[in-house]
Each structure stands twice: as C-alpha cells, then as structure tokens.
Amino acid sequence: MAIILESANGGITKTKLLTRANLTNGQLRQYLDVLITKKLVVQLADEEKRHLAYRTTEKGIRYLSIYSTLKSIAVFQQ
C-alpha cells in the first residue's frame, strides 16, 4: 500500500501505477478499493470516465509519514 501511496503522490494513471507497484490489475483494484474507502487516495476521471488517475490525499500523505517513521524504528532495532 505504501508503494501505491508514494506513487500516487501528485497523481498517476492506472497503467503507470500497475507498473510501479508491480501488481496485477486485480491486486491493484483490491488495494485501491481499500485506499479509496479509507480516503487515503482519490480517484480522478475525465468527463467520459474513460481515463482514470489516482492521487494521494493529505490523509494518505500523513499515513506515509507515520509508516516511514515506524519502518525506520523497526529497521533500527534489528
């Protein structure tokens, strides 16, 4: 999820997100459903809803900050 949030910071298309996160379409959809429901990511669409993009929200950026802190603590203690 952190990779998706980091990649979507500033906005990213679904195709680029699939590549960066190295996930299948089904896996990405499941993660995005959770992230959108929790308001960590927002889905953007053109008028015809043919082109989708995703952007990390402020809440998602705060989540990433906390995740990064916890990750550094875990690595430090090993």
PDB file of N, CA and C in Angstrom:
ATOM      1  N   MET A   1       0.821  -1.186   0.000  1.00  0.00           N
ATOM      2  CA  MET A   1       0.000   0.000   0.000  1.00  0.00           C
ATOM      3  C   MET A   1       0.868   1.254   0.000  1.00  0.00           C
ATOM      4  N   ALA A   2       1.988   1.191   0.697  1.00  0.00           N
ATOM      5  CA  ALA A   2       2.876   2.356   0.746  1.00  0.00           C
ATOM      6  C   ALA A   2       3.404   2.696  -0.639  1.00  0.00           C
ATOM      7  N   ILE A   3       3.718   1.700  -1.427  1.00  0.00           N
ATOM      8  CA  ILE A   3       4.217   1.945  -2.790  1.00  0.00           C
ATOM      9  C   ILE A   3       3.137   2.641  -3.619  1.00  0.00           C
ATOM     10  N   ILE A   4       1.907   2.224  -3.464  1.00  0.00           N
ATOM     11  CA  ILE A   4       0.807   2.856  -4.197  1.00  0.00           C
ATOM     12  C   ILE A   4       0.656   4.305  -3.755  1.00  0.00           C
ATOM     13  N   LEU A   5       0.676   4.544  -2.448  1.00  0.00           N
ATOM     14  CA  LEU A   5       0.529   5.904  -1.934  1.00  0.00           C
ATOM     15  C   LEU A   5       1.680   6.797  -2.386  1.00  0.00           C
ATOM     16  N   GLU A   6       2.894   6.284  -2.333  1.00  0.00           N
ATOM     17  CA  GLU A   6       4.058   7.062  -2.778  1.00  0.00           C
ATOM     18  C   GLU A   6       3.965   7.363  -4.265  1.00  0.00           C
ATOM     19  N   SER A   7       3.581   6.375  -5.049  1.00  0.00           N
ATOM     20  CA  SER A   7       3.497   6.545  -6.499  1.00  0.00           C
ATOM     21  C   SER A   7       2.385   7.513  -6.892  1.00  0.00           C
ATOM     22  N   ALA A   8       1.295   7.497  -6.147  1.00  0.00           N
ATOM     23  CA  ALA A   8       0.143   8.335  -6.488  1.00  0.00           C
ATOM     24  C   ALA A   8       0.266   9.757  -5.946  1.00  0.00           C
ATOM     25  N   ASN A   9       1.325  10.034  -5.210  1.00  0.00           N
ATOM     26  CA  ASN A   9       1.532  11.379  -4.680  1.00  0.00           C
ATOM     27  C   ASN A   9       1.780  12.328  -5.852  1.00  0.00           C
ATOM     28  N   GLY A  10       0.852  13.235  -6.081  1.00  0.00           N
ATOM     29  CA  GLY A  10       0.946  14.143  -7.217  1.00  0.00           C
ATOM     30  C   GLY A  10       0.108  13.694  -8.395  1.00  0.00           C
ATOM     31  N   GLY A  11      -0.385  12.461  -8.362  1.00  0.00           N
ATOM     32  CA  GLY A  11      -1.240  11.936  -9.423  1.00  0.00           C
ATOM     33  C   GLY A  11      -0.523  10.955 -10.326  1.00  0.00           C
ATOM     34  N   ILE A  12      -1.223   9.908 -10.724  1.00  0.00           N
ATOM     35  CA  ILE A  12      -0.649   8.877 -11.594  1.00  0.00           C
ATOM     36  C   ILE A  12      -1.782   8.131 -12.291  1.00  0.00           C
ATOM     37  N   THR A  13      -1.532   7.704 -13.514  1.00  0.00           N
ATOM     38  CA  THR A  13      -2.529   6.919 -14.236  1.00  0.00           C
ATOM     39  C   THR A  13      -2.507   5.484 -13.722  1.00  0.00           C
ATOM     40  N   LYS A  14      -3.581   4.771 -13.998  1.00  0.00           N
ATOM     41  CA  LYS A  14      -3.687   3.382 -13.549  1.00  0.00           C
ATOM     42  C   LYS A  14      -2.596   2.521 -14.185  1.00  0.00           C
ATOM     43  N   THR A  15      -2.313   2.744 -15.466  1.00  0.00           N
ATOM     44  CA  THR A  15      -1.297   1.954 -16.154  1.00  0.00           C
ATOM     45  C   THR A  15       0.073   2.146 -15.522  1.00  0.00           C
ATOM     46  N   LYS A  16       0.441   3.380 -15.247  1.00  0.00           N
ATOM     47  CA  LYS A  16       1.743   3.642 -14.619  1.00  0.00           C
ATOM     48  C   LYS A  16       1.782   3.089 -13.203  1.00  0.00           C
ATOM     49  N   LEU A  17       0.660   3.169 -12.515  1.00  0.00           N
ATOM     50  CA  LEU A  17       0.589   2.641 -11.157  1.00  0.00           C
ATOM     51  C   LEU A  17       0.758   1.128 -11.142  1.00  0.00           C
ATOM     52  N   LEU A  18       0.150   0.450 -12.102  1.00  0.00           N
ATOM     53  CA  LEU A  18       0.325  -1.004 -12.222  1.00  0.00           C
ATOM     54  C   LEU A  18       1.795  -1.362 -12.379  1.00  0.00           C
ATOM     55  N   THR A  19       2.497  -0.600 -13.205  1.00  0.00           N
ATOM     56  CA  THR A  19       3.910  -0.864 -13.466  1.00  0.00           C
ATOM     57  C   THR A  19       4.765  -0.576 -12.235  1.00  0.00           C
ATOM     58  N   ARG A  20       4.574   0.572 -11.634  1.00  0.00           N
ATOM     59  CA  ARG A  20       5.395   0.954 -10.469  1.00  0.00           C
ATOM     60  C   ARG A  20       5.178   0.038  -9.279  1.00  0.00           C
ATOM     61  N   ALA A  21       3.941  -0.361  -9.047  1.00  0.00           N
ATOM     62  CA  ALA A  21       3.629  -1.206  -7.894  1.00  0.00           C
ATOM     63  C   ALA A  21       3.864  -2.684  -8.185  1.00  0.00           C
ATOM     64  N   ASN A  22       4.073  -3.015  -9.468  1.00  0.00           N
ATOM     65  CA  ASN A  22       4.317  -4.394  -9.890  1.00  0.00           C
ATOM     66  C   ASN A  22       3.195  -5.329  -9.408  1.00  0.00           C
ATOM     67  N   LEU A  23       1.968  -4.924  -9.689  1.00  0.00           N
ATOM     68  CA  LEU A  23       0.795  -5.690  -9.288  1.00  0.00           C
ATOM     69  C   LEU A  23      -0.034  -6.066 -10.505  1.00  0.00           C
ATOM     70  N   THR A  24      -0.863  -7.089 -10.351  1.00  0.00           N
ATOM     71  CA  THR A  24      -1.820  -7.409 -11.400  1.00  0.00           C
ATOM     72  C   THR A  24      -2.980  -6.431 -11.299  1.00  0.00           C
ATOM     73  N   ASN A  25      -3.795  -6.390 -12.323  1.00  0.00           N
ATOM     74  CA  ASN A  25      -4.952  -5.498 -12.329  1.00  0.00           C
ATOM     75  C   ASN A  25      -5.884  -5.811 -11.150  1.00  0.00           C
ATOM     76  N   GLY A  26      -6.119  -7.079 -10.894  1.00  0.00           N
ATOM     77  CA  GLY A  26      -6.987  -7.487  -9.784  1.00  0.00           C
ATOM     78  C   GLY A  26      -6.427  -7.086  -8.428  1.00  0.00           C
ATOM     79  N   GLN A  27      -5.128  -7.286  -8.241  1.00  0.00           N
ATOM     80  CA  GLN A  27      -4.496  -6.905  -6.983  1.00  0.00           C
ATOM     81  C   GLN A  27      -4.584  -5.402  -6.760  1.00  0.00           C
ATOM     82  N   LEU A  28      -4.276  -4.633  -7.821  1.00  0.00           N
ATOM     83  CA  LEU A  28      -4.324  -3.178  -7.706  1.00  0.00           C
ATOM     84  C   LEU A  28      -5.737  -2.712  -7.366  1.00  0.00           C
ATOM     85  N   ARG A  29      -6.729  -3.301  -8.010  1.00  0.00           N
ATOM     86  CA  ARG A  29      -8.115  -2.921  -7.758  1.00  0.00           C
ATOM     87  C   ARG A  29      -8.472  -3.127  -6.282  1.00  0.00           C
ATOM     88  N   GLN A  30      -8.052  -4.263  -5.710  1.00  0.00           N
ATOM     89  CA  GLN A  30      -8.348  -4.545  -4.304  1.00  0.00           C
ATOM     90  C   GLN A  30      -7.699  -3.509  -3.385  1.00  0.00           C
ATOM     91  N   TYR A  31      -6.433  -3.210  -3.632  1.00  0.00           N
ATOM     92  CA  TYR A  31      -5.733  -2.212  -2.816  1.00  0.00           C
ATOM     93  C   TYR A  31      -6.368  -0.838  -2.974  1.00  0.00           C
ATOM     94  N   LEU A  32      -6.675  -0.461  -4.209  1.00  0.00           N
ATOM     95  CA  LEU A  32      -7.279   0.849  -4.441  1.00  0.00           C
ATOM     96  C   LEU A  32      -8.645   0.967  -3.783  1.00  0.00           C
ATOM     97  N   ASP A  33      -9.416  -0.108  -3.800  1.00  0.00           N
ATOM     98  CA  ASP A  33     -10.728  -0.083  -3.134  1.00  0.00           C
ATOM     99  C   ASP A  33     -10.581   0.263  -1.655  1.00  0.00           C
ATOM    100  N   VAL A  34      -9.605  -0.352  -1.003  1.00  0.00           N
ATOM    101  CA  VAL A  34      -9.365  -0.081   0.417  1.00  0.00           C
ATOM    102  C   VAL A  34      -8.875   1.351   0.603  1.00  0.00           C
ATOM    103  N   LEU A  35      -7.892   1.761  -0.203  1.00  0.00           N
ATOM    104  CA  LEU A  35      -7.312   3.097  -0.061  1.00  0.00           C
ATOM    105  C   LEU A  35      -8.336   4.194  -0.331  1.00  0.00           C
ATOM    106  N   ILE A  36      -9.210   3.978  -1.304  1.00  0.00           N
ATOM    107  CA  ILE A  36     -10.253   4.961  -1.613  1.00  0.00           C
ATOM    108  C   ILE A  36     -11.294   4.996  -0.494  1.00  0.00           C
ATOM    109  N   THR A  37     -11.697   3.828  -0.005  1.00  0.00           N
ATOM    110  CA  THR A  37     -12.670   3.753   1.086  1.00  0.00           C
ATOM    111  C   THR A  37     -12.147   4.459   2.339  1.00  0.00           C
ATOM    112  N   LYS A  38     -10.866   4.292   2.621  1.00  0.00           N
ATOM    113  CA  LYS A  38     -10.256   4.916   3.798  1.00  0.00           C
ATOM    114  C   LYS A  38      -9.848   6.368   3.548  1.00  0.00           C
ATOM    115  N   LYS A  39     -10.126   6.861   2.341  1.00  0.00           N
ATOM    116  CA  LYS A  39      -9.836   8.242   1.947  1.00  0.00           C
ATOM    117  C   LYS A  39      -8.346   8.571   1.971  1.00  0.00           C
ATOM    118  N   LEU A  40      -7.522   7.569   1.643  1.00  0.00           N
ATOM    119  CA  LEU A  40      -6.088   7.780   1.528  1.00  0.00           C
ATOM    120  C   LEU A  40      -5.701   8.119   0.087  1.00  0.00           C
ATOM    121  N   VAL A  41      -6.580   7.737  -0.855  1.00  0.00           N
ATOM    122  CA  VAL A  41      -6.383   8.008  -2.282  1.00  0.00           C
ATOM    123  C   VAL A  41      -7.709   8.477  -2.855  1.00  0.00           C
ATOM    124  N   VAL A  42      -7.634   9.384  -3.811  1.00  0.00           N
ATOM    125  CA  VAL A  42      -8.829   9.844  -4.508  1.00  0.00           C
ATOM    126  C   VAL A  42      -8.705   9.442  -5.982  1.00  0.00           C
ATOM    127  N   GLN A  43      -9.820   9.018  -6.542  1.00  0.00           N
ATOM    128  CA  GLN A  43      -9.860   8.632  -7.965  1.00  0.00           C
ATOM    129  C   GLN A  43     -10.275   9.841  -8.791  1.00  0.00           C
ATOM    130  N   LEU A  44      -9.540  10.098  -9.848  1.00  0.00           N
ATOM    131  CA  LEU A  44      -9.840  11.204 -10.760  1.00  0.00           C
ATOM    132  C   LEU A  44     -10.244  10.614 -12.101  1.00  0.00           C
ATOM    133  N   ALA A  45     -11.189  11.236 -12.774  1.00  0.00           N
ATOM    134  CA  ALA A  45     -11.644  10.733 -14.074  1.00  0.00           C
ATOM    135  C   ALA A  45     -11.971  11.899 -14.991  1.00  0.00           C
ATOM    136  N   ASP A  46     -11.834  11.639 -16.307  1.00  0.00           N
ATOM    137  CA  ASP A  46     -12.250  12.660 -17.264  1.00  0.00           C
ATOM    138  C   ASP A  46     -13.774  12.626 -17.362  1.00  0.00           C
ATOM    139  N   GLU A  47     -14.334  13.470 -18.198  1.00  0.00           N
ATOM    140  CA  GLU A  47     -15.798  13.592 -18.274  1.00  0.00           C
ATOM    141  C   GLU A  47     -16.484  12.294 -18.690  1.00  0.00           C
ATOM    142  N   GLU A  48     -15.862  11.531 -19.573  1.00  0.00           N
ATOM    143  CA  GLU A  48     -16.471  10.276 -20.018  1.00  0.00           C
ATOM    144  C   GLU A  48     -16.093   9.094 -19.120  1.00  0.00           C
ATOM    145  N   LYS A  49     -15.276   9.360 -18.111  1.00  0.00           N
ATOM    146  CA  LYS A  49     -14.770   8.330 -17.196  1.00  0.00           C
ATOM    147  C   LYS A  49     -14.022   7.229 -17.934  1.00  0.00           C
ATOM    148  N   ARG A  50     -13.355   7.606 -19.020  1.00  0.00           N
ATOM    149  CA  ARG A  50     -12.561   6.639 -19.786  1.00  0.00           C
ATOM    150  C   ARG A  50     -11.127   6.583 -19.290  1.00  0.00           C
ATOM    151  N   HIS A  51     -10.624   7.676 -18.788  1.00  0.00           N
ATOM    152  CA  HIS A  51      -9.248   7.745 -18.309  1.00  0.00           C
ATOM    153  C   HIS A  51      -9.253   8.008 -16.810  1.00  0.00           C
ATOM    154  N   LEU A  52      -8.729   7.044 -16.073  1.00  0.00           N
ATOM    155  CA  LEU A  52      -8.703   7.156 -14.624  1.00  0.00           C
ATOM    156  C   LEU A  52      -7.299   7.484 -14.146  1.00  0.00           C
ATOM    157  N   ALA A  53      -7.234   8.270 -13.108  1.00  0.00           N
ATOM    158  CA  ALA A  53      -5.968   8.565 -12.449  1.00  0.00           C
ATOM    159  C   ALA A  53      -6.232   8.566 -10.945  1.00  0.00           C
ATOM    160  N   TYR A  54      -5.166   8.489 -10.195  1.00  0.00           N
ATOM    161  CA  TYR A  54      -5.282   8.424  -8.740  1.00  0.00           C
ATOM    162  C   TYR A  54      -4.293   9.392  -8.117  1.00  0.00           C
ATOM    163  N   ARG A  55      -4.696   9.974  -6.982  1.00  0.00           N
ATOM    164  CA  ARG A  55      -3.839  10.916  -6.278  1.00  0.00           C
ATOM    165  C   ARG A  55      -3.930  10.648  -4.781  1.00  0.00           C
ATOM    166  N   THR A  56      -2.795  10.675  -4.125  1.00  0.00           N
ATOM    167  CA  THR A  56      -2.745  10.506  -2.680  1.00  0.00           C
ATOM    168  C   THR A  56      -3.325  11.753  -2.014  1.00  0.00           C
ATOM    169  N   THR A  57      -4.183  11.551  -1.028  1.00  0.00           N
ATOM    170  CA  THR A  57      -4.796  12.658  -0.295  1.00  0.00           C
ATOM    171  C   THR A  57      -3.861  13.117   0.828  1.00  0.00           C
ATOM    172  N   GLU A  58      -4.231  14.202   1.483  1.00  0.00           N
ATOM    173  CA  GLU A  58      -3.459  14.674   2.638  1.00  0.00           C
ATOM    174  C   GLU A  58      -3.420  13.602   3.727  1.00  0.00           C
ATOM    175  N   LYS A  59      -4.538  12.926   3.918  1.00  0.00           N
ATOM    176  CA  LYS A  59      -4.590  11.840   4.900  1.00  0.00           C
ATOM    177  C   LYS A  59      -3.624  10.722   4.508  1.00  0.00           C
ATOM    178  N   GLY A  60      -3.538  10.426   3.216  1.00  0.00           N
ATOM    179  CA  GLY A  60      -2.611   9.413   2.728  1.00  0.00           C
ATOM    180  C   GLY A  60      -1.158   9.817   2.936  1.00  0.00           C
ATOM    181  N   ILE A  61      -0.874  11.094   2.778  1.00  0.00           N
ATOM    182  CA  ILE A  61       0.489  11.588   2.999  1.00  0.00           C
ATOM    183  C   ILE A  61       0.855  11.485   4.475  1.00  0.00           C
ATOM    184  N   ARG A  62      -0.098  11.784   5.350  1.00  0.00           N
ATOM    185  CA  ARG A  62       0.142  11.622   6.793  1.00  0.00           C
ATOM    186  C   ARG A  62       0.392  10.153   7.124  1.00  0.00           C
ATOM    187  N   TYR A  63      -0.389   9.255   6.512  1.00  0.00           N
ATOM    188  CA  TYR A  63      -0.200   7.819   6.699  1.00  0.00           C
ATOM    189  C   TYR A  63       1.217   7.414   6.296  1.00  0.00           C
ATOM    190  N   LEU A  64       1.675   7.914   5.148  1.00  0.00           N
ATOM    191  CA  LEU A  64       3.025   7.593   4.677  1.00  0.00           C
ATOM    192  C   LEU A  64       4.093   8.081   5.651  1.00  0.00           C
ATOM    193  N   SER A  65       3.888   9.242   6.217  1.00  0.00           N
ATOM    194  CA  SER A  65       4.841   9.785   7.181  1.00  0.00           C
ATOM    195  C   SER A  65       4.946   8.884   8.409  1.00  0.00           C
ATOM    196  N   ILE A  66       3.805   8.472   8.928  1.00  0.00           N
ATOM    197  CA  ILE A  66       3.790   7.577  10.097  1.00  0.00           C
ATOM    198  C   ILE A  66       4.396   6.228   9.741  1.00  0.00           C
ATOM    199  N   TYR A  67       4.036   5.706   8.569  1.00  0.00           N
ATOM    200  CA  TYR A  67       4.581   4.427   8.111  1.00  0.00           C
ATOM    201  C   TYR A  67       6.101   4.495   8.015  1.00  0.00           C
ATOM    202  N   SER A  68       6.614   5.581   7.466  1.00  0.00           N
ATOM    203  CA  SER A  68       8.056   5.751   7.312  1.00  0.00           C
ATOM    204  C   SER A  68       8.753   5.784   8.671  1.00  0.00           C
ATOM    205  N   THR A  69       8.150   6.474   9.625  1.00  0.00           N
ATOM    206  CA  THR A  69       8.716   6.543  10.979  1.00  0.00           C
ATOM    207  C   THR A  69       8.754   5.164  11.617  1.00  0.00           C
ATOM    208  N   LEU A  70       7.648   4.432  11.528  1.00  0.00           N
ATOM    209  CA  LEU A  70       7.601   3.091  12.107  1.00  0.00           C
ATOM    210  C   LEU A  70       8.576   2.143  11.424  1.00  0.00           C
ATOM    211  N   LYS A  71       8.706   2.275  10.119  1.00  0.00           N
ATOM    212  CA  LYS A  71       9.630   1.429   9.368  1.00  0.00           C
ATOM    213  C   LYS A  71      11.069   1.704   9.799  1.00  0.00           C
ATOM    214  N   SER A  72      11.418   2.962   9.996  1.00  0.00           N
ATOM    215  CA  SER A  72      12.784   3.298  10.412  1.00  0.00           C
ATOM    216  C   SER A  72      13.066   2.805  11.821  1.00  0.00           C
ATOM    217  N   ILE A  73      12.078   2.838  12.691  1.00  0.00           N
ATOM    218  CA  ILE A  73      12.248   2.311  14.046  1.00  0.00           C
ATOM    219  C   ILE A  73      12.477   0.799  14.000  1.00  0.00           C
ATOM    220  N   ALA A  74      11.698   0.103  13.196  1.00  0.00           N
ATOM    221  CA  ALA A  74      11.823  -1.356  13.079  1.00  0.00           C
ATOM    222  C   ALA A  74      13.190  -1.745  12.534  1.00  0.00           C
ATOM    223  N   VAL A  75      13.677  -1.033  11.559  1.00  0.00           N
ATOM    224  CA  VAL A  75      14.988  -1.321  10.966  1.00  0.00           C
ATOM    225  C   VAL A  75      16.082  -1.012  11.967  1.00  0.00           C
ATOM    226  N   PHE A  76      15.937   0.063  12.717  1.00  0.00           N
ATOM    227  CA  PHE A  76      16.940   0.484  13.699  1.00  0.00           C
ATOM    228  C   PHE A  76      17.100  -0.554  14.799  1.00  0.00           C
ATOM    229  N   GLN A  77      16.020  -1.205  15.200  1.00  0.00           N
ATOM    230  CA  GLN A  77      16.060  -2.144  16.315  1.00  0.00           C
ATOM    231  C   GLN A  77      16.542  -3.529  15.923  1.00  0.00           C
ATOM    232  N   GLN A  78      16.747  -3.802  14.659  1.00  0.00           N
ATOM    233  CA  GLN A  78      17.209  -5.133  14.259  1.00  0.00           C
ATOM    234  C   GLN A  78      18.642  -5.205  14.466  1.00  0.00           C
TER     235      GLN A  78
END
